[in-house]
């Protein structure tokens, strides 16, 4: 076995992009070391997804579309670039939690291919909230909408990094949840949170509501960006603890639910005036 103190960052980047996106990346290693590095690199994959989403929204605005269509496209791109896995995980998690059944039965419900009423309702309101928040951001300025897309995508993957920290058990012995659960040291997880929070604050100050234009760099943008990430982490942490309590640990579906919860929460904060 290789030295666990050496983090294989190239393998980690490939792991992050290969498991969290549809981008053509070959995952060369599927062990605990690569999983640890991959989950630490998850926010990087999120930023790339967010940049693609922002590019789609801004392009539509340049072509003459309104902010609503730009918002729809921006919300759709992350789903496309993840094959809808996070949304599917959100729906399955909602069905499992909503069933009110014991952990074993709830996990079995989550593995079924169909989506139940709790999943449908959750998807509906989450997507509506994301589009509404992005619409409000784009209506203010294209820079604010683009910034919201990138920050929310980074915050969504940061939620995965935090959920993969040491001490959070897997609910099943197999699957993606088992592969990454408990791989990230607590210090590494919180360091990643600090980096993403700082980057979001800087990006919001430069390109957010009070960024490009006559206002220059404003403290409101700094606070808004930081609060968006912190609120996303808090919301996903509450869901994580509830899922661990109900299911006995995390699964791939739970990770998807955490990502969508964090993304939606950060978008709502960024959309507020």
Protein backbone atom coordinates (compact mmCIF):
# COMPACT_ATOMS: atom_id res chain seq x y z
CA UNK A 1 0.00 0.00 0.00
CA UNK A 2 1.27 3.48 -0.82
CA UNK A 3 2.04 6.08 1.77
CA UNK A 4 -1.25 7.53 2.99
CA UNK A 5 0.48 10.81 3.86
CA UNK A 6 1.09 11.49 0.18
CA UNK A 7 -2.05 12.84 -1.43
CA UNK A 8 -2.20 11.86 -5.14
CA UNK A 9 -3.49 15.19 -6.42
CA UNK A 10 -3.51 14.35 -10.17
CA UNK A 11 -5.46 11.18 -9.38
CA UNK A 12 -7.68 13.20 -7.06
CA UNK A 13 -8.54 15.71 -9.77
CA UNK A 14 -9.38 12.89 -12.16
CA UNK A 15 -11.46 11.23 -9.44
CA UNK A 16 -13.39 14.43 -8.78
CA UNK A 17 -14.15 15.18 -12.42
CA UNK A 18 -14.70 11.54 -13.33
CA UNK A 19 -17.24 10.88 -10.58
CA UNK A 20 -18.92 14.28 -10.27
CA UNK A 21 -19.17 15.33 -13.94
CA UNK A 22 -19.64 13.83 -17.39
CA UNK A 23 -16.50 15.53 -18.65
CA UNK A 24 -14.23 13.03 -20.48
CA UNK A 25 -11.84 12.16 -17.66
CA UNK A 26 -10.49 8.67 -16.98
CA UNK A 27 -10.41 7.70 -13.31
CA UNK A 28 -7.12 5.83 -13.01
CA UNK A 29 -7.40 4.99 -9.31
CA UNK A 30 -10.38 3.99 -7.18
CA UNK A 31 -8.86 3.63 -3.72
CA UNK A 32 -9.22 5.52 -0.46
CA UNK A 33 -6.27 7.83 -1.16
CA UNK A 34 -7.63 8.87 -4.54
CA UNK A 35 -11.09 9.27 -3.02
CA UNK A 36 -9.69 11.53 -0.29
CA UNK A 37 -7.90 13.74 -2.79
CA UNK A 38 -10.90 13.65 -5.11
CA UNK A 39 -13.32 14.84 -2.47
CA UNK A 40 -10.93 17.61 -1.47
CA UNK A 41 -10.86 18.62 -5.16
CA UNK A 42 -14.66 18.44 -5.48
CA UNK A 43 -15.13 22.25 -5.26
CA UNK A 44 -12.76 22.65 -8.21
CA UNK A 45 -15.01 20.43 -10.30
CA UNK A 46 -17.93 22.51 -9.06
CA UNK A 47 -16.32 25.75 -10.19
CA UNK A 48 -15.82 24.31 -13.69
CA UNK A 49 -19.46 23.23 -13.82
CA UNK A 50 -20.49 26.68 -12.58
CA UNK A 51 -18.41 28.42 -15.23
CA UNK A 52 -20.08 26.34 -17.94
CA UNK A 53 -23.51 27.19 -16.50
CA UNK A 54 -22.66 30.89 -16.31
CA UNK A 55 -21.34 30.85 -19.88
CA UNK A 56 -24.63 29.41 -21.13
CA UNK A 57 -26.67 32.05 -19.31
CA UNK A 58 -24.50 34.96 -20.41
CA UNK A 59 -24.45 33.71 -24.00
CA UNK A 60 -28.23 33.70 -24.11
CA UNK A 61 -28.31 37.24 -22.74
CA UNK A 62 -25.87 38.35 -25.44
CA UNK A 63 -28.09 36.75 -28.07
CA UNK A 64 -31.04 38.80 -26.84
CA UNK A 65 -32.77 36.39 -24.50
CA UNK A 66 -34.28 37.61 -21.25
CA UNK A 67 -33.09 36.83 -17.73
CA UNK A 68 -35.68 34.06 -17.26
CA UNK A 69 -34.39 31.99 -20.17
CA UNK A 70 -30.83 32.63 -19.03
CA UNK A 71 -31.78 31.41 -15.56
CA UNK A 72 -33.35 28.23 -16.93
CA UNK A 73 -30.26 27.46 -19.00
CA UNK A 74 -27.96 28.15 -16.06
CA UNK A 75 -29.95 25.78 -13.85
CA UNK A 76 -30.05 23.12 -16.56
CA UNK A 77 -26.34 22.96 -17.36
CA UNK A 78 -25.27 21.47 -13.99
CA UNK A 79 -27.94 18.79 -14.41
CA UNK A 80 -26.60 17.99 -17.88
CA UNK A 81 -22.97 17.93 -16.74
CA UNK A 82 -23.80 15.51 -13.90
CA UNK A 83 -26.25 13.32 -15.87
CA UNK A 84 -28.86 14.51 -13.38
CA UNK A 85 -27.27 12.36 -10.67
CA UNK A 86 -27.47 15.02 -7.97
CA UNK A 87 -31.10 15.75 -8.73
CA UNK A 88 -31.83 12.02 -8.78
CA UNK A 89 -30.07 11.68 -5.44
CA UNK A 90 -32.12 14.53 -4.02
CA UNK A 91 -35.35 12.88 -5.15
CA UNK A 92 -34.34 9.47 -3.78
CA UNK A 93 -33.27 11.01 -0.47
CA UNK A 94 -36.59 12.83 -0.20
CA UNK A 95 -38.45 9.57 -0.86
CA UNK A 96 -36.39 7.75 1.74
CA UNK A 97 -36.87 10.42 4.39
CA UNK A 98 -40.51 10.96 3.53
CA UNK A 99 -41.36 7.28 3.75
CA UNK A 100 -41.02 7.34 7.53
CA UNK A 101 -39.86 3.72 7.42
CA UNK A 102 -36.92 2.15 9.29
CA UNK A 103 -33.45 2.61 7.83
CA UNK A 104 -33.31 -0.69 5.96
CA UNK A 105 -36.67 -0.16 4.28
CA UNK A 106 -35.91 3.49 3.53
CA UNK A 107 -32.62 2.54 1.88
CA UNK A 108 -34.43 -0.03 -0.22
CA UNK A 109 -36.91 2.63 -1.34
CA UNK A 110 -34.02 4.91 -2.30
CA UNK A 111 -32.49 2.19 -4.51
CA UNK A 112 -35.66 1.77 -6.56
CA UNK A 113 -35.53 3.24 -10.05
CA UNK A 114 -38.84 5.07 -9.84
CA UNK A 115 -39.45 8.42 -8.12
CA UNK A 116 -42.14 8.71 -5.48
CA UNK A 117 -44.34 11.68 -4.59
CA UNK A 118 -41.89 13.11 -2.06
CA UNK A 119 -39.15 13.09 -4.67
CA UNK A 120 -41.31 14.74 -7.33
CA UNK A 121 -42.46 17.51 -5.00
CA UNK A 122 -38.92 18.15 -3.76
CA UNK A 123 -37.51 18.32 -7.28
CA UNK A 124 -40.26 20.68 -8.38
CA UNK A 125 -39.75 23.21 -5.62
CA UNK A 126 -35.94 22.99 -5.63
CA UNK A 127 -35.72 23.64 -9.38
CA UNK A 128 -38.29 26.42 -9.15
CA UNK A 129 -36.29 28.04 -6.36
CA UNK A 130 -33.05 27.77 -8.32
CA UNK A 131 -34.53 29.28 -11.47
CA UNK A 132 -36.29 32.05 -9.52
CA UNK A 133 -33.09 32.96 -7.67
CA UNK A 134 -31.02 32.97 -10.85
CA UNK A 135 -33.66 35.04 -12.63
CA UNK A 136 -33.51 37.66 -9.91
CA UNK A 137 -29.72 37.68 -10.06
CA UNK A 138 -29.61 38.00 -13.87
CA UNK A 139 -32.28 40.68 -13.78
CA UNK A 140 -29.94 42.79 -11.64
CA UNK A 141 -26.88 42.27 -13.84
CA UNK A 142 -25.27 39.58 -15.94
CA UNK A 143 -22.24 39.61 -13.67
CA UNK A 144 -24.36 38.90 -10.61
CA UNK A 145 -26.10 36.00 -12.35
CA UNK A 146 -22.84 34.52 -13.57
CA UNK A 147 -21.27 34.89 -10.14
CA UNK A 148 -24.25 33.19 -8.51
CA UNK A 149 -23.89 30.25 -10.89
CA UNK A 150 -20.22 29.74 -10.08
CA UNK A 151 -20.47 30.30 -6.33
CA UNK A 152 -23.47 27.98 -5.95
CA UNK A 153 -21.77 25.19 -7.91
CA UNK A 154 -18.64 25.50 -5.81
CA UNK A 155 -20.67 25.50 -2.60
CA UNK A 156 -22.59 22.43 -3.76
CA UNK A 157 -19.40 20.40 -4.17
CA UNK A 158 -17.96 21.79 -0.95
CA UNK A 159 -20.92 20.16 0.78
CA UNK A 160 -19.66 16.83 -0.58
CA UNK A 161 -16.17 17.48 0.78
CA UNK A 162 -17.57 18.18 4.22
CA UNK A 163 -19.87 15.15 4.10
CA UNK A 164 -16.91 12.88 3.27
CA UNK A 165 -15.03 13.88 6.40
CA UNK A 166 -13.78 11.45 8.99
CA UNK A 167 -16.48 10.32 11.39
CA UNK A 168 -19.36 10.25 8.88
CA UNK A 169 -20.11 6.56 8.20
CA UNK A 170 -21.51 4.98 5.04
CA UNK A 171 -25.06 3.61 5.21
CA UNK A 172 -24.20 0.73 2.88
CA UNK A 173 -21.03 -1.33 2.42
CA UNK A 174 -20.91 -0.58 -1.30
CA UNK A 175 -21.53 2.25 -3.75
CA UNK A 176 -20.10 5.75 -4.05
CA UNK A 177 -21.09 6.64 -0.51
CA UNK A 178 -19.01 3.81 0.90
CA UNK A 179 -16.11 4.63 -1.42
CA UNK A 180 -15.72 8.21 -0.19
CA UNK A 181 -17.26 8.24 3.29
CA UNK A 182 -14.77 9.12 6.00
CA UNK A 183 -11.89 9.71 3.59
CA UNK A 184 -11.35 13.43 4.18
CA UNK A 185 -9.57 14.51 7.38
CA UNK A 186 -11.59 16.98 9.41
CA UNK A 187 -8.83 19.60 9.16
CA UNK A 188 -8.71 19.20 5.40
CA UNK A 189 -12.48 19.54 5.12
CA UNK A 190 -12.58 22.75 7.11
CA UNK A 191 -9.56 24.13 5.25
CA UNK A 192 -11.41 23.51 1.99
CA UNK A 193 -14.44 25.31 3.46
CA UNK A 194 -12.30 28.30 4.38
CA UNK A 195 -10.75 28.46 0.90
CA UNK A 196 -14.10 28.21 -0.89
CA UNK A 197 -15.68 30.79 1.43
CA UNK A 198 -12.83 33.24 0.81
CA UNK A 199 -12.94 32.67 -2.94
CA UNK A 200 -16.71 33.18 -3.01
CA UNK A 201 -16.38 36.40 -1.03
CA UNK A 202 -13.76 37.71 -3.44
CA UNK A 203 -15.71 36.68 -6.53
CA UNK A 204 -18.92 38.25 -5.23
CA UNK A 205 -17.11 41.48 -4.47
CA UNK A 206 -15.57 41.68 -7.94
CA UNK A 207 -18.39 40.36 -10.09
CA UNK A 208 -21.51 40.41 -7.93
CA UNK A 209 -24.20 42.99 -7.44
CA UNK A 210 -21.70 45.69 -6.46
CA UNK A 211 -18.84 44.52 -8.63
CA UNK A 212 -18.21 45.57 -12.21
CA UNK A 213 -19.55 49.02 -12.81
CA UNK A 214 -19.74 52.31 -11.00
CA UNK A 215 -19.81 50.75 -7.55
CA UNK A 216 -16.35 49.20 -7.68
CA UNK A 217 -15.48 46.59 -5.08
CA UNK A 218 -18.03 46.68 -2.28
CA UNK A 219 -18.08 45.12 1.16
CA UNK A 220 -21.67 44.05 0.56
CA UNK A 221 -20.46 41.64 -2.11
CA UNK A 222 -17.80 40.22 0.19
CA UNK A 223 -20.31 39.55 2.96
CA UNK A 224 -22.92 38.18 0.56
CA UNK A 225 -20.52 35.70 -1.01
CA UNK A 226 -19.21 34.46 2.32
CA UNK A 227 -22.68 34.16 3.84
CA UNK A 228 -23.92 32.26 0.78
CA UNK A 229 -21.28 29.56 1.24
CA UNK A 230 -21.65 29.42 5.01
CA UNK A 231 -25.44 29.15 4.74
CA UNK A 232 -25.04 26.40 2.14
CA UNK A 233 -22.72 24.50 4.48
CA UNK A 234 -25.12 24.93 7.39
CA UNK A 235 -28.14 23.71 5.41
CA UNK A 236 -26.30 20.71 4.01
CA UNK A 237 -24.92 19.87 7.46
CA UNK A 238 -28.43 19.80 8.92
CA UNK A 239 -29.56 17.47 6.15
CA UNK A 240 -26.44 15.34 6.58
CA UNK A 241 -27.03 14.86 10.29
CA UNK A 242 -30.66 14.00 9.71
CA UNK A 243 -29.73 11.42 7.06
CA UNK A 244 -27.06 9.84 9.26
CA UNK A 245 -29.61 9.63 12.06
CA UNK A 246 -32.29 8.11 9.80
CA UNK A 247 -30.21 5.88 7.53
CA UNK A 248 -27.20 5.15 9.69
CA UNK A 249 -24.83 6.92 7.34
CA UNK A 250 -24.46 8.43 3.88
CA UNK A 251 -25.08 7.04 0.41
CA UNK A 252 -24.48 8.32 -3.09
CA UNK A 253 -28.07 9.57 -3.10
CA UNK A 254 -27.48 11.49 0.11
CA UNK A 255 -24.44 13.14 -1.44
CA UNK A 256 -26.59 14.25 -4.36
CA UNK A 257 -29.22 15.63 -2.01
CA UNK A 258 -26.57 17.53 -0.07
CA UNK A 259 -25.18 19.10 -3.24
CA UNK A 260 -28.57 20.32 -4.43
CA UNK A 261 -29.47 21.59 -0.96
CA UNK A 262 -26.24 23.58 -0.76
CA UNK A 263 -26.60 24.96 -4.29
CA UNK A 264 -30.18 26.10 -3.70
CA UNK A 265 -29.39 27.68 -0.34
CA UNK A 266 -26.46 29.66 -1.73
CA UNK A 267 -28.54 30.85 -4.69
CA UNK A 268 -31.28 32.08 -2.39
CA UNK A 269 -28.78 34.08 -0.33
CA UNK A 270 -27.15 35.55 -3.43
CA UNK A 271 -30.53 36.54 -4.87
CA UNK A 272 -31.56 38.58 -1.84
CA UNK A 273 -31.34 42.36 -2.17
